[in-house]
């Protein structure tokens, strides 16, 4: 990996990682705090909103820190992909593409950015490199996408119970 490529990967890791960590902190400490986040998740059709809120906080902060550090990068990317898939499917899909209309534009960019990072690898300025952990290329992308999709499917199968319409 050239110096410019290594810098680009580092930049993506730091920006996406920081974004995810701060997003998780906001779910925990911002606005409505855990109770507000739990209510929002329940409004999306997820059972056990308080548990969902804490799972989201831990996943977003944890994945963000791991990404920024470049440690276990495909798994950190999988966590972000899963969170973005859940958000995209439950909160944003029905609103169309554009984020200004609460669409899925933002979650798509974060999810695909993480898939690209998993394919590229964490780069030489990372804990993965320091510990000689190299899962990148098709394998890194496959791990990130596969684990992310399976985690999303498991969460939705276990906790998603959308409101039923009154029609029989």
Protein backbone atom coordinates (compact mmCIF):
# COMPACT_ATOMS: atom_id res chain seq x y z
CA UNK A 1 0.00 0.00 0.00
CA UNK A 2 1.49 3.36 -1.00
CA UNK A 3 1.80 6.24 1.45
CA UNK A 4 -1.15 8.03 -0.15
CA UNK A 5 -3.32 4.91 0.04
CA UNK A 6 -2.32 4.32 3.66
CA UNK A 7 -3.24 7.91 4.49
CA UNK A 8 -6.60 7.58 2.70
CA UNK A 9 -7.45 4.40 4.64
CA UNK A 10 -6.39 6.04 7.91
CA UNK A 11 -8.53 9.08 7.12
CA UNK A 12 -11.58 6.92 6.38
CA UNK A 13 -11.05 4.86 9.52
CA UNK A 14 -10.70 7.93 11.73
CA UNK A 15 -13.69 9.79 10.28
CA UNK A 16 -16.08 6.84 10.17
CA UNK A 17 -14.83 5.58 13.54
CA UNK A 18 -15.24 8.96 15.22
CA UNK A 19 -18.64 9.45 13.60
CA UNK A 20 -19.88 6.10 14.91
CA UNK A 21 -18.46 6.62 18.40
CA UNK A 22 -20.00 10.08 18.72
CA UNK A 23 -23.29 8.77 17.30
CA UNK A 24 -23.32 6.10 20.02
CA UNK A 25 -22.47 8.65 22.69
CA UNK A 26 -25.37 10.78 21.48
CA UNK A 27 -27.76 7.83 21.84
CA UNK A 28 -26.49 7.41 25.39
CA UNK A 29 -25.94 10.93 26.70
CA UNK A 30 -27.62 13.25 24.18
CA UNK A 31 -31.14 14.55 23.82
CA UNK A 32 -33.48 11.87 25.06
CA UNK A 33 -30.69 9.71 26.49
CA UNK A 34 -31.29 5.95 26.77
CA UNK A 35 -35.00 6.37 27.54
CA UNK A 36 -35.55 8.49 24.43
CA UNK A 37 -33.49 6.15 22.26
CA UNK A 38 -35.43 3.18 23.66
CA UNK A 39 -38.74 4.85 22.83
CA UNK A 40 -37.55 5.62 19.31
CA UNK A 41 -36.51 1.99 18.77
CA UNK A 42 -39.88 0.79 20.07
CA UNK A 43 -41.55 3.21 17.66
CA UNK A 44 -39.69 1.45 14.84
CA UNK A 45 -41.23 -1.87 15.89
CA UNK A 46 -38.35 -3.26 17.96
CA UNK A 47 -39.26 -5.03 21.19
CA UNK A 48 -37.23 -4.43 24.34
CA UNK A 49 -36.36 -0.86 23.41
CA UNK A 50 -34.10 -0.27 26.40
CA UNK A 51 -32.01 -3.34 25.53
CA UNK A 52 -31.91 -2.19 21.89
CA UNK A 53 -30.75 1.26 22.99
CA UNK A 54 -27.89 -0.17 25.05
CA UNK A 55 -26.93 -2.64 22.30
CA UNK A 56 -26.83 0.24 19.85
CA UNK A 57 -24.72 2.42 22.16
CA UNK A 58 -22.20 -0.34 22.88
CA UNK A 59 -22.02 -1.39 19.22
CA UNK A 60 -21.64 2.13 17.85
CA UNK A 61 -19.05 3.26 20.39
CA UNK A 62 -17.18 -0.05 20.29
CA UNK A 63 -17.11 -0.30 16.51
CA UNK A 64 -16.11 3.35 16.24
CA UNK A 65 -13.16 2.91 18.60
CA UNK A 66 -12.08 -0.32 16.89
CA UNK A 67 -12.27 1.33 13.46
CA UNK A 68 -10.32 4.40 14.54
CA UNK A 69 -7.63 2.17 16.03
CA UNK A 70 -7.70 -0.19 13.05
CA UNK A 71 -8.20 -3.23 15.24
CA UNK A 72 -10.23 -6.26 14.14
CA UNK A 73 -11.24 -4.10 11.21
CA UNK A 74 -13.52 -6.53 9.32
CA UNK A 75 -15.51 -7.18 12.52
CA UNK A 76 -15.70 -3.47 13.35
CA UNK A 77 -16.92 -2.88 9.80
CA UNK A 78 -19.46 -5.69 10.19
CA UNK A 79 -20.86 -3.96 13.29
CA UNK A 80 -21.24 -0.66 11.44
CA UNK A 81 -22.78 -2.40 8.43
CA UNK A 82 -25.30 -4.12 10.69
CA UNK A 83 -26.24 -0.93 12.54
CA UNK A 84 -26.62 0.91 9.23
CA UNK A 85 -28.70 -1.91 7.73
CA UNK A 86 -31.09 -1.86 10.68
CA UNK A 87 -31.34 1.93 10.54
CA UNK A 88 -31.74 1.93 6.78
CA UNK A 89 -34.41 -0.75 6.75
CA UNK A 90 -36.46 0.38 9.75
CA UNK A 91 -36.00 4.14 9.97
CA UNK A 92 -34.98 5.51 6.56
CA UNK A 93 -36.01 3.25 3.65
CA UNK A 94 -39.60 4.46 3.47
CA UNK A 95 -38.42 8.07 3.23
CA UNK A 96 -36.50 7.66 -0.02
CA UNK A 97 -32.86 8.41 -0.71
CA UNK A 98 -32.15 11.94 0.48
CA UNK A 99 -31.00 12.52 4.06
CA UNK A 100 -32.73 15.92 4.17
CA UNK A 101 -36.00 13.97 3.99
CA UNK A 102 -34.73 11.43 6.57
CA UNK A 103 -33.83 9.02 3.76
CA UNK A 104 -31.17 6.34 3.66
CA UNK A 105 -28.39 8.38 1.97
CA UNK A 106 -26.28 8.78 5.14
CA UNK A 107 -26.56 5.18 6.36
CA UNK A 108 -25.77 3.90 2.86
CA UNK A 109 -22.55 5.92 2.70
CA UNK A 110 -21.40 4.76 6.15
CA UNK A 111 -22.24 1.12 5.42
CA UNK A 112 -20.59 1.02 2.00
CA UNK A 113 -17.63 3.00 3.33
CA UNK A 114 -17.12 0.27 5.93
CA UNK A 115 -17.44 -2.46 3.33
CA UNK A 116 -14.75 -0.71 1.28
CA UNK A 117 -12.53 -0.40 4.38
CA UNK A 118 -12.91 -4.11 5.08
CA UNK A 119 -11.81 -4.88 1.51
CA UNK A 120 -8.87 -2.45 1.65
CA UNK A 121 -7.75 -3.47 5.14
CA UNK A 122 -6.77 -1.25 8.04
CA UNK A 123 -3.51 -0.13 6.48
CA UNK A 124 -0.02 0.05 7.93
CA UNK A 125 -0.94 2.65 10.58
CA UNK A 126 -3.23 0.37 12.54
CA UNK A 127 -3.30 -2.10 15.39
CA UNK A 128 -4.14 -4.83 12.86
CA UNK A 129 -0.79 -4.12 11.21
CA UNK A 130 1.05 -3.92 14.54
CA UNK A 131 -0.34 -7.32 15.59
CA UNK A 132 0.08 -8.79 12.10
CA UNK A 133 -3.66 -9.34 11.63
CA UNK A 134 -4.33 -9.32 7.90
CA UNK A 135 -7.87 -10.02 6.77
CA UNK A 136 -8.55 -7.85 3.77
CA UNK A 137 -9.44 -8.18 0.11
CA UNK A 138 -12.37 -10.42 -0.75
CA UNK A 139 -12.01 -12.22 2.60
CA UNK A 140 -12.22 -8.98 4.61
CA UNK A 141 -15.18 -7.77 2.59
CA UNK A 142 -16.87 -11.15 2.87
CA UNK A 143 -16.42 -11.26 6.63
CA UNK A 144 -17.72 -7.70 7.07
CA UNK A 145 -20.72 -8.13 4.79
CA UNK A 146 -21.54 -11.68 5.89
CA UNK A 147 -21.33 -11.01 9.62
CA UNK A 148 -23.16 -7.68 9.19
CA UNK A 149 -26.05 -9.23 7.26
CA UNK A 150 -26.34 -12.25 9.58
CA UNK A 151 -26.30 -9.99 12.66
CA UNK A 152 -28.99 -7.78 11.13
CA UNK A 153 -31.16 -10.78 10.22
CA UNK A 154 -30.74 -12.21 13.73
CA UNK A 155 -31.66 -8.93 15.41
CA UNK A 156 -34.71 -8.41 13.22
CA UNK A 157 -35.88 -12.02 13.58
CA UNK A 158 -35.53 -11.81 17.35
CA UNK A 159 -36.76 -8.30 18.16
CA UNK A 160 -38.66 -6.72 15.24
CA UNK A 161 -42.41 -6.87 15.60
CA UNK A 162 -43.92 -4.20 13.36
CA UNK A 163 -47.35 -2.86 14.19
CA UNK A 164 -50.10 -4.70 12.37
CA UNK A 165 -52.62 -2.84 10.33
CA UNK A 166 -56.22 -3.20 11.45
CA UNK A 167 -57.09 -5.26 8.36
CA UNK A 168 -57.78 -8.98 8.69
